[in-house]
PDB file of N, CA and C in Angstrom:
ATOM      1  N   MET A   1       0.637 -32.731 -25.545  1.00  0.00           N
ATOM      2  CA  MET A   1       0.474 -31.682 -23.890  1.00  0.00           C
ATOM      3  C   MET A   1       1.374 -32.409 -22.961  1.00  0.00           C
ATOM      4  N   GLY A   2       2.570 -31.517 -22.169  1.00  0.00           N
ATOM      5  CA  GLY A   2       3.594 -32.030 -21.433  1.00  0.00           C
ATOM      6  C   GLY A   2       2.619 -32.191 -20.036  1.00  0.00           C
ATOM      7  N   LYS A   3       2.739 -32.767 -19.363  1.00  0.00           N
ATOM      8  CA  LYS A   3       2.565 -33.613 -18.058  1.00  0.00           C
ATOM      9  C   LYS A   3       2.729 -31.644 -16.956  1.00  0.00           C
ATOM     10  N   THR A   4       2.252 -31.717 -16.284  1.00  0.00           N
ATOM     11  CA  THR A   4       2.523 -30.294 -14.994  1.00  0.00           C
ATOM     12  C   THR A   4       2.181 -31.213 -13.984  1.00  0.00           C
ATOM     13  N   LYS A   5       3.755 -30.994 -13.006  1.00  0.00           N
ATOM     14  CA  LYS A   5       3.210 -31.133 -11.667  1.00  0.00           C
ATOM     15  C   LYS A   5       2.307 -30.551 -11.245  1.00  0.00           C
ATOM     16  N   GLY A   6       1.653 -31.569 -10.424  1.00  0.00           N
ATOM     17  CA  GLY A   6       0.966 -30.740  -9.104  1.00  0.00           C
ATOM     18  C   GLY A   6       0.623 -31.069  -7.485  1.00  0.00           C
ATOM     19  N   ILE A   7       0.466 -29.972  -7.226  1.00  0.00           N
ATOM     20  CA  ILE A   7       1.202 -29.676  -5.643  1.00  0.00           C
ATOM     21  C   ILE A   7      -0.040 -29.440  -5.400  1.00  0.00           C
ATOM     22  N   ASP A   8      -0.950 -30.070  -4.021  1.00  0.00           N
ATOM     23  CA  ASP A   8      -1.687 -31.005  -3.528  1.00  0.00           C
ATOM     24  C   ASP A   8      -1.743 -29.859  -2.144  1.00  0.00           C
ATOM     25  N   ILE A   9      -1.901 -29.037  -1.797  1.00  0.00           N
ATOM     26  CA  ILE A   9      -2.496 -27.963  -1.047  1.00  0.00           C
ATOM     27  C   ILE A   9      -3.928 -27.743  -1.052  1.00  0.00           C
ATOM     28  N   ALA A  10      -3.628 -27.966   1.117  1.00  0.00           N
ATOM     29  CA  ALA A  10      -4.933 -28.336   1.372  1.00  0.00           C
ATOM     30  C   ALA A  10      -5.303 -27.145   3.532  1.00  0.00           C
ATOM     31  N   TYR A  11      -5.777 -26.756   3.336  1.00  0.00           N
ATOM     32  CA  TYR A  11      -6.113 -25.259   4.143  1.00  0.00           C
ATOM     33  C   TYR A  11      -6.670 -25.796   5.288  1.00  0.00           C
ATOM     34  N   ASN A  12      -5.642 -25.562   6.265  1.00  0.00           N
ATOM     35  CA  ASN A  12      -6.137 -26.183   7.837  1.00  0.00           C
ATOM     36  C   ASN A  12      -6.180 -24.936   8.456  1.00  0.00           C
ATOM     37  N   PRO A  13      -7.825 -24.936   8.949  1.00  0.00           N
ATOM     38  CA  PRO A  13      -8.308 -23.544   9.924  1.00  0.00           C
ATOM     39  C   PRO A  13      -7.441 -24.238  11.463  1.00  0.00           C
ATOM     40  N   GLU A  14      -7.239 -24.767  11.780  1.00  0.00           N
ATOM     41  CA  GLU A  14      -6.606 -24.987  12.852  1.00  0.00           C
ATOM     42  C   GLU A  14      -5.067 -24.425  13.384  1.00  0.00           C
ATOM     43  N   SER A  15      -4.887 -24.065  12.839  1.00  0.00           N
ATOM     44  CA  SER A  15      -3.163 -22.849  11.828  1.00  0.00           C
ATOM     45  C   SER A  15      -3.934 -22.025  11.099  1.00  0.00           C
ATOM     46  N   GLY A  16      -4.554 -21.863  10.374  1.00  0.00           N
ATOM     47  CA  GLY A  16      -4.425 -20.436  10.262  1.00  0.00           C
ATOM     48  C   GLY A  16      -3.684 -20.646   8.401  1.00  0.00           C
ATOM     49  N   GLU A  17      -3.529 -21.544   8.648  1.00  0.00           N
ATOM     50  CA  GLU A  17      -1.822 -21.467   7.076  1.00  0.00           C
ATOM     51  C   GLU A  17      -2.673 -22.963   6.412  1.00  0.00           C
ATOM     52  N   PHE A  18      -1.994 -22.940   5.266  1.00  0.00           N
ATOM     53  CA  PHE A  18      -1.927 -23.490   3.742  1.00  0.00           C
ATOM     54  C   PHE A  18      -0.747 -24.182   4.027  1.00  0.00           C
ATOM     55  N   GLU A  19      -1.178 -25.891   4.331  1.00  0.00           N
ATOM     56  CA  GLU A  19      -0.069 -27.177   4.256  1.00  0.00           C
ATOM     57  C   GLU A  19       0.443 -27.697   3.121  1.00  0.00           C
ATOM     58  N   TYR A  20       0.710 -28.243   3.189  1.00  0.00           N
ATOM     59  CA  TYR A  20       1.882 -28.716   1.259  1.00  0.00           C
ATOM     60  C   TYR A  20       1.662 -30.605   2.223  1.00  0.00           C
ATOM     61  N   ASN A  21       0.429 -31.227   1.089  1.00  0.00           N
ATOM     62  CA  ASN A  21      -0.059 -32.369   1.791  1.00  0.00           C
ATOM     63  C   ASN A  21       1.627 -33.210   1.037  1.00  0.00           C
ATOM     64  N   ASN A  22       2.712 -32.844   0.760  1.00  0.00           N
ATOM     65  CA  ASN A  22       3.900 -33.692  -0.203  1.00  0.00           C
ATOM     66  C   ASN A  22       4.716 -32.462   0.279  1.00  0.00           C
ATOM     67  N   ALA A  23       5.263 -33.647   1.692  1.00  0.00           N
ATOM     68  CA  ALA A  23       6.606 -33.965   2.010  1.00  0.00           C
ATOM     69  C   ALA A  23       7.653 -32.472   1.511  1.00  0.00           C
ATOM     70  N   ASP A  24       7.389 -32.861   0.575  1.00  0.00           N
ATOM     71  CA  ASP A  24       9.121 -32.730  -0.387  1.00  0.00           C
ATOM     72  C   ASP A  24       8.462 -30.843   0.323  1.00  0.00           C
ATOM     73  N   ASP A  25       7.558 -30.691  -0.474  1.00  0.00           N
ATOM     74  CA  ASP A  25       6.621 -29.709  -1.153  1.00  0.00           C
ATOM     75  C   ASP A  25       6.792 -28.544   0.453  1.00  0.00           C
ATOM     76  N   ALA A  26       6.329 -29.188   1.660  1.00  0.00           N
ATOM     77  CA  ALA A  26       6.411 -28.503   3.024  1.00  0.00           C
ATOM     78  C   ALA A  26       7.780 -28.462   3.077  1.00  0.00           C
ATOM     79  N   TYR A  27       8.486 -29.206   3.029  1.00  0.00           N
ATOM     80  CA  TYR A  27      10.003 -28.889   3.563  1.00  0.00           C
ATOM     81  C   TYR A  27      10.743 -27.303   2.608  1.00  0.00           C
ATOM     82  N   GLN A  28      10.717 -27.908   1.421  1.00  0.00           N
ATOM     83  CA  GLN A  28      10.668 -26.594   0.865  1.00  0.00           C
ATOM     84  C   GLN A  28      10.103 -25.218   1.271  1.00  0.00           C
ATOM     85  N   TYR A  29       9.133 -25.004   1.378  1.00  0.00           N
ATOM     86  CA  TYR A  29       7.786 -23.853   1.351  1.00  0.00           C
ATOM     87  C   TYR A  29       8.467 -23.481   3.211  1.00  0.00           C
ATOM     88  N   GLU A  30       8.756 -24.131   4.147  1.00  0.00           N
ATOM     89  CA  GLU A  30       9.100 -23.564   4.966  1.00  0.00           C
ATOM     90  C   GLU A  30      10.822 -23.773   5.050  1.00  0.00           C
ATOM     91  N   GLU A  31      10.999 -24.232   4.644  1.00  0.00           N
ATOM     92  CA  GLU A  31      12.404 -23.964   4.153  1.00  0.00           C
ATOM     93  C   GLU A  31      12.873 -21.789   3.439  1.00  0.00           C
ATOM     94  N   TRP A  32      11.778 -21.566   2.559  1.00  0.00           N
ATOM     95  CA  TRP A  32      11.852 -19.956   1.944  1.00  0.00           C
ATOM     96  C   TRP A  32      10.687 -18.966   2.991  1.00  0.00           C
ATOM     97  N   LYS A  33      10.534 -19.574   3.886  1.00  0.00           N
ATOM     98  CA  LYS A  33       9.676 -18.699   4.901  1.00  0.00           C
ATOM     99  C   LYS A  33      10.590 -18.511   5.955  1.00  0.00           C
ATOM    100  N   LYS A  34      12.031 -19.087   5.644  1.00  0.00           N
ATOM    101  CA  LYS A  34      12.908 -18.828   6.805  1.00  0.00           C
ATOM    102  C   LYS A  34      14.008 -18.329   6.249  1.00  0.00           C
ATOM    103  N   SER A  35      13.622 -18.163   4.631  1.00  0.00           N
ATOM    104  CA  SER A  35      15.393 -17.426   3.367  1.00  0.00           C
ATOM    105  C   SER A  35      14.789 -15.990   3.769  1.00  0.00           C
ATOM    106  N   LYS A  36      15.979 -15.063   3.360  1.00  0.00           N
ATOM    107  CA  LYS A  36      15.455 -13.870   3.548  1.00  0.00           C
ATOM    108  C   LYS A  36      14.855 -13.163   2.619  1.00  0.00           C
ATOM    109  N   GLU A  37      14.680 -14.232   1.535  1.00  0.00           N
ATOM    110  CA  GLU A  37      14.062 -13.233   0.264  1.00  0.00           C
ATOM    111  C   GLU A  37      13.193 -13.165   0.714  1.00  0.00           C
ATOM    112  N   TYR A  38      12.550 -13.882   1.464  1.00  0.00           N
ATOM    113  CA  TYR A  38      10.609 -14.078   1.918  1.00  0.00           C
ATOM    114  C   TYR A  38      10.983 -13.439   3.021  1.00  0.00           C
ATOM    115  N   ILE A  39      11.937 -12.785   4.186  1.00  0.00           N
ATOM    116  CA  ILE A  39      11.446 -11.834   4.891  1.00  0.00           C
ATOM    117  C   ILE A  39      12.022 -10.240   4.429  1.00  0.00           C
ATOM    118  N   ALA A  40      12.935  -9.952   3.052  1.00  0.00           N
ATOM    119  CA  ALA A  40      12.114  -9.402   1.878  1.00  0.00           C
ATOM    120  C   ALA A  40      10.935  -8.488   1.297  1.00  0.00           C
ATOM    121  N   MET A  41      10.511 -10.260   1.107  1.00  0.00           N
ATOM    122  CA  MET A  41       8.787  -9.808   0.367  1.00  0.00           C
ATOM    123  C   MET A  41       8.408  -9.193   1.602  1.00  0.00           C
ATOM    124  N   VAL A  42       8.298 -10.554   2.093  1.00  0.00           N
ATOM    125  CA  VAL A  42       7.815  -9.290   3.992  1.00  0.00           C
ATOM    126  C   VAL A  42       7.682  -7.968   3.671  1.00  0.00           C
ATOM    127  N   ASN A  43       8.661  -7.862   4.538  1.00  0.00           N
ATOM    128  CA  ASN A  43       9.032  -6.067   4.462  1.00  0.00           C
ATOM    129  C   ASN A  43       8.496  -4.904   2.721  1.00  0.00           C
ATOM    130  N   GLU A  44       8.936  -6.499   2.683  1.00  0.00           N
ATOM    131  CA  GLU A  44       8.048  -4.879   1.022  1.00  0.00           C
ATOM    132  C   GLU A  44       6.860  -4.259   1.250  1.00  0.00           C
ATOM    133  N   GLU A  45       5.640  -5.224   1.444  1.00  0.00           N
ATOM    134  CA  GLU A  45       4.742  -5.714   1.789  1.00  0.00           C
ATOM    135  C   GLU A  45       3.876  -4.822   2.439  1.00  0.00           C
ATOM    136  N   PHE A  46       4.984  -5.059   3.927  1.00  0.00           N
ATOM    137  CA  PHE A  46       5.110  -3.795   5.346  1.00  0.00           C
ATOM    138  C   PHE A  46       5.193  -2.744   4.726  1.00  0.00           C
ATOM    139  N   ASP A  47       5.884  -1.603   3.915  1.00  0.00           N
ATOM    140  CA  ASP A  47       6.234  -0.630   3.328  1.00  0.00           C
ATOM    141  C   ASP A  47       4.697  -0.558   2.291  1.00  0.00           C
ATOM    142  N   LYS A  48       4.794  -0.782   2.154  1.00  0.00           N
ATOM    143  CA  LYS A  48       3.178  -0.620   1.031  1.00  0.00           C
ATOM    144  C   LYS A  48       2.190  -0.102   1.244  1.00  0.00           C
ATOM    145  N   HIS A  49       2.463  -0.207   2.644  1.00  0.00           N
ATOM    146  CA  HIS A  49       0.712  -0.255   3.720  1.00  0.00           C
ATOM    147  C   HIS A  49       1.262   0.855   4.443  1.00  0.00           C
ATOM    148  N   LYS A  50       2.088   1.273   4.712  1.00  0.00           N
ATOM    149  CA  LYS A  50       2.538   2.635   5.204  1.00  0.00           C
ATOM    150  C   LYS A  50       1.736   4.023   5.112  1.00  0.00           C
ATOM    151  N   PRO A  51       1.196   4.916   5.921  1.00  0.00           N
ATOM    152  CA  PRO A  51       1.416   5.893   5.132  1.00  0.00           C
ATOM    153  C   PRO A  51       2.832   6.313   4.858  1.00  0.00           C
ATOM    154  N   LYS A  52       2.091   7.017   4.429  1.00  0.00           N
ATOM    155  CA  LYS A  52       3.436   8.076   3.696  1.00  0.00           C
ATOM    156  C   LYS A  52       3.520  10.114   4.122  1.00  0.00           C
ATOM    157  N   TYR A  53       2.485  10.070   4.490  1.00  0.00           N
ATOM    158  CA  TYR A  53       2.307  11.556   5.449  1.00  0.00           C
ATOM    159  C   TYR A  53       1.336  11.196   6.926  1.00  0.00           C
ATOM    160  N   SER A  54       2.395  11.724   7.551  1.00  0.00           N
ATOM    161  CA  SER A  54       2.212  12.643   9.033  1.00  0.00           C
ATOM    162  C   SER A  54       0.172  13.237   8.945  1.00  0.00           C
ATOM    163  N   GLU A  55      -0.476  12.551   9.556  1.00  0.00           N
ATOM    164  CA  GLU A  55      -1.933  13.329  10.163  1.00  0.00           C
ATOM    165  C   GLU A  55      -1.618  14.452  10.350  1.00  0.00           C
ATOM    166  N   ALA A  56      -0.200  14.502  10.828  1.00  0.00           N
ATOM    167  CA  ALA A  56       0.161  15.698  11.089  1.00  0.00           C
ATOM    168  C   ALA A  56       0.190  17.033   9.520  1.00  0.00           C
ATOM    169  N   ASP A  57       1.515  16.192   8.940  1.00  0.00           N
ATOM    170  CA  ASP A  57       2.051  16.294   7.799  1.00  0.00           C
ATOM    171  C   ASP A  57       0.271  17.065   7.023  1.00  0.00           C
ATOM    172  N   ILE A  58      -0.798  16.128   6.521  1.00  0.00           N
ATOM    173  CA  ILE A  58      -2.255  16.636   6.252  1.00  0.00           C
ATOM    174  C   ILE A  58      -2.845  17.836   6.314  1.00  0.00           C
ATOM    175  N   ASP A  59      -3.042  18.112   8.111  1.00  0.00           N
ATOM    176  CA  ASP A  59      -3.185  18.663   8.785  1.00  0.00           C
ATOM    177  C   ASP A  59      -2.985  19.936   8.307  1.00  0.00           C
ATOM    178  N   ASN A  60      -1.774  20.012   7.863  1.00  0.00           N
ATOM    179  CA  ASN A  60      -1.147  20.848   7.327  1.00  0.00           C
ATOM    180  C   ASN A  60      -1.352  21.469   6.099  1.00  0.00           C
ATOM    181  N   ALA A  61      -1.454  20.481   5.329  1.00  0.00           N
ATOM    182  CA  ALA A  61      -1.199  20.996   3.815  1.00  0.00           C
ATOM    183  C   ALA A  61      -2.802  21.455   4.060  1.00  0.00           C
ATOM    184  N   ILE A  62      -3.574  20.372   4.382  1.00  0.00           N
ATOM    185  CA  ILE A  62      -5.184  20.989   3.812  1.00  0.00           C
ATOM    186  C   ILE A  62      -5.218  22.780   4.271  1.00  0.00           C
ATOM    187  N   SER A  63      -4.627  23.036   5.644  1.00  0.00           N
ATOM    188  CA  SER A  63      -4.319  24.494   5.709  1.00  0.00           C
ATOM    189  C   SER A  63      -3.871  25.357   5.320  1.00  0.00           C
ATOM    190  N   ASN A  64      -3.091  24.996   4.113  1.00  0.00           N
ATOM    191  CA  ASN A  64      -1.924  26.297   3.680  1.00  0.00           C
ATOM    192  C   ASN A  64      -2.697  25.866   2.676  1.00  0.00           C
ATOM    193  N   GLY A  65      -3.521  25.288   2.252  1.00  0.00           N
ATOM    194  CA  GLY A  65      -3.987  24.427   0.285  1.00  0.00           C
ATOM    195  C   GLY A  65      -4.815  25.900   0.770  1.00  0.00           C
ATOM    196  N   PHE A  66      -5.788  25.976   2.229  1.00  0.00           N
ATOM    197  CA  PHE A  66      -6.986  26.831   1.839  1.00  0.00           C
ATOM    198  C   PHE A  66      -6.795  28.181   2.174  1.00  0.00           C
ATOM    199  N   LYS A  67      -5.239  28.595   2.934  1.00  0.00           N
ATOM    200  CA  LYS A  67      -4.509  29.291   2.745  1.00  0.00           C
ATOM    201  C   LYS A  67      -4.543  30.499   1.716  1.00  0.00           C
ATOM    202  N   SER A  68      -3.175  28.930   0.937  1.00  0.00           N
ATOM    203  CA  SER A  68      -3.242  29.683  -0.350  1.00  0.00           C
ATOM    204  C   SER A  68      -4.642  29.736  -1.360  1.00  0.00           C
ATOM    205  N   LEU A  69      -5.425  30.250  -1.400  1.00  0.00           N
ATOM    206  CA  LEU A  69      -6.326  30.216  -2.403  1.00  0.00           C
ATOM    207  C   LEU A  69      -6.496  31.222  -1.869  1.00  0.00           C
ATOM    208  N   VAL A  70      -6.871  32.511  -3.378  1.00  0.00           N
ATOM    209  CA  VAL A  70      -7.220  33.855  -2.694  1.00  0.00           C
ATOM    210  C   VAL A  70      -8.711  34.305  -3.947  1.00  0.00           C
ATOM    211  N   VAL A  71      -8.909  32.702  -4.004  1.00  0.00           N
ATOM    212  CA  VAL A  71     -11.017  33.294  -4.437  1.00  0.00           C
ATOM    213  C   VAL A  71     -11.551  32.397  -4.488  1.00  0.00           C
ATOM    214  N   THR A  72     -12.928  32.255  -4.183  1.00  0.00           N
ATOM    215  CA  THR A  72     -14.457  31.657  -3.692  1.00  0.00           C
ATOM    216  C   THR A  72     -14.028  30.637  -4.959  1.00  0.00           C
ATOM    217  N   SER A  73     -14.550  29.528  -4.493  1.00  0.00           N
ATOM    218  CA  SER A  73     -15.692  28.632  -5.393  1.00  0.00           C
ATOM    219  C   SER A  73     -17.052  29.459  -6.359  1.00  0.00           C
ATOM    220  N   GLU A  74     -17.668  30.274  -5.742  1.00  0.00           N
ATOM    221  CA  GLU A  74     -18.724  31.330  -6.231  1.00  0.00           C
ATOM    222  C   GLU A  74     -18.013  32.125  -7.657  1.00  0.00           C
ATOM    223  N   GLU A  75     -16.154  32.084  -7.491  1.00  0.00           N
ATOM    224  CA  GLU A  75     -16.137  33.148  -8.388  1.00  0.00           C
ATOM    225  C   GLU A  75     -15.081  32.013  -9.734  1.00  0.00           C
ATOM    226  N   VAL A  76     -14.712  31.366  -9.389  1.00  0.00           N
ATOM    227  CA  VAL A  76     -14.406  30.763 -10.756  1.00  0.00           C
ATOM    228  C   VAL A  76     -15.391  28.953 -10.415  1.00  0.00           C
ATOM    229  N   GLY A  77     -16.309  28.662  -9.500  1.00  0.00           N
ATOM    230  CA  GLY A  77     -16.525  27.874 -10.709  1.00  0.00           C
ATOM    231  C   GLY A  77     -16.123  26.600  -8.884  1.00  0.00           C
ATOM    232  N   ILE A  78     -16.500  25.508  -9.090  1.00  0.00           N
ATOM    233  CA  ILE A  78     -16.181  24.629  -8.234  1.00  0.00           C
ATOM    234  C   ILE A  78     -15.473  23.341  -8.384  1.00  0.00           C
ATOM    235  N   ASP A  79     -15.578  23.391 -10.111  1.00  0.00           N
ATOM    236  CA  ASP A  79     -14.318  22.190 -10.607  1.00  0.00           C
ATOM    237  C   ASP A  79     -13.155  23.124 -10.273  1.00  0.00           C
ATOM    238  N   VAL A  80     -13.115  24.035 -10.778  1.00  0.00           N
ATOM    239  CA  VAL A  80     -11.475  25.043 -11.213  1.00  0.00           C
ATOM    240  C   VAL A  80     -10.819  25.250  -9.122  1.00  0.00           C
ATOM    241  N   TYR A  81     -12.170  25.975  -8.926  1.00  0.00           N
ATOM    242  CA  TYR A  81     -11.452  25.603  -7.156  1.00  0.00           C
ATOM    243  C   TYR A  81     -11.112  24.443  -7.164  1.00  0.00           C
ATOM    244  N   GLU A  82     -11.467  22.851  -7.147  1.00  0.00           N
ATOM    245  CA  GLU A  82     -10.951  21.515  -6.781  1.00  0.00           C
ATOM    246  C   GLU A  82     -10.017  22.138  -6.758  1.00  0.00           C
ATOM    247  N   LYS A  83      -9.772  22.318  -7.984  1.00  0.00           N
ATOM    248  CA  LYS A  83      -8.225  22.093  -9.266  1.00  0.00           C
ATOM    249  C   LYS A  83      -6.901  22.700  -8.768  1.00  0.00           C
ATOM    250  N   LEU A  84      -7.576  24.227  -8.441  1.00  0.00           N
ATOM    251  CA  LEU A  84      -6.845  25.236  -7.759  1.00  0.00           C
ATOM    252  C   LEU A  84      -6.540  24.360  -5.925  1.00  0.00           C
ATOM    253  N   PHE A  85      -7.143  24.560  -5.186  1.00  0.00           N
ATOM    254  CA  PHE A  85      -7.143  23.751  -3.673  1.00  0.00           C
ATOM    255  C   PHE A  85      -6.455  22.563  -4.250  1.00  0.00           C
ATOM    256  N   ARG A  86      -6.153  20.853  -4.597  1.00  0.00           N
ATOM    257  CA  ARG A  86      -6.135  20.299  -4.717  1.00  0.00           C
ATOM    258  C   ARG A  86      -4.282  19.795  -5.546  1.00  0.00           C
ATOM    259  N   GLN A  87      -4.081  21.464  -6.165  1.00  0.00           N
ATOM    260  CA  GLN A  87      -2.348  22.086  -6.179  1.00  0.00           C
ATOM    261  C   GLN A  87      -2.495  22.314  -5.261  1.00  0.00           C
ATOM    262  N   HIS A  88      -2.883  23.293  -4.514  1.00  0.00           N
ATOM    263  CA  HIS A  88      -2.128  24.132  -2.587  1.00  0.00           C
ATOM    264  C   HIS A  88      -1.691  22.897  -1.609  1.00  0.00           C
ATOM    265  N   PHE A  89      -2.747  22.182  -2.067  1.00  0.00           N
ATOM    266  CA  PHE A  89      -2.004  20.903  -1.073  1.00  0.00           C
ATOM    267  C   PHE A  89      -1.227  20.496  -1.446  1.00  0.00           C
ATOM    268  N   ASN A  90      -1.029  19.764  -2.721  1.00  0.00           N
ATOM    269  CA  ASN A  90      -0.218  18.887  -3.262  1.00  0.00           C
ATOM    270  C   ASN A  90       1.292  19.583  -3.105  1.00  0.00           C
ATOM    271  N   GLU A  91       1.871  20.820  -3.521  1.00  0.00           N
ATOM    272  CA  GLU A  91       2.528  21.680  -2.845  1.00  0.00           C
ATOM    273  C   GLU A  91       3.013  21.901  -1.817  1.00  0.00           C
ATOM    274  N   ALA A  92       1.322  21.451  -0.883  1.00  0.00           N
ATOM    275  CA  ALA A  92       2.253  22.062   1.162  1.00  0.00           C
ATOM    276  C   ALA A  92       2.172  20.437   1.295  1.00  0.00           C
ATOM    277  N   LEU A  93       2.222  19.448   0.877  1.00  0.00           N
ATOM    278  CA  LEU A  93       2.223  18.431   1.198  1.00  0.00           C
ATOM    279  C   LEU A  93       3.757  18.115   1.091  1.00  0.00           C
ATOM    280  N   ASN A  94       4.375  18.212  -0.706  1.00  0.00           N
ATOM    281  CA  ASN A  94       5.370  18.281  -1.079  1.00  0.00           C
ATOM    282  C   ASN A  94       6.139  19.395  -0.964  1.00  0.00           C
ATOM    283  N   GLY A  95       6.337  19.972   0.116  1.00  0.00           N
ATOM    284  CA  GLY A  95       7.192  20.697   0.642  1.00  0.00           C
ATOM    285  C   GLY A  95       7.560  22.076  -1.022  1.00  0.00           C
ATOM    286  N   ILE A  96       6.453  21.886  -2.030  1.00  0.00           N
ATOM    287  CA  ILE A  96       7.641  23.225  -3.074  1.00  0.00           C
ATOM    288  C   ILE A  96       6.747  24.000  -2.246  1.00  0.00           C
TER     289      ILE A  96
END
């Protein structure tokens, strides 16, 4: 079986970052953090956590979802009522 190169990493609580104990690894890591690829990766992660819809959009979709329902939960049952509401909510939210 072949050998694998071990990477010696330690956590520094003062800086709050992981530090490489090998000088070459530390240099490569710092250069990577300055690269366009790193910036693109970080921006993609931020984009994943941005809300897709504003609170106003959600409030409007909820209002329109309830206004679109012409039956009551007693008439069709709570399961069907929930499915109908979800359908109308999603349609209102996505502008369908």
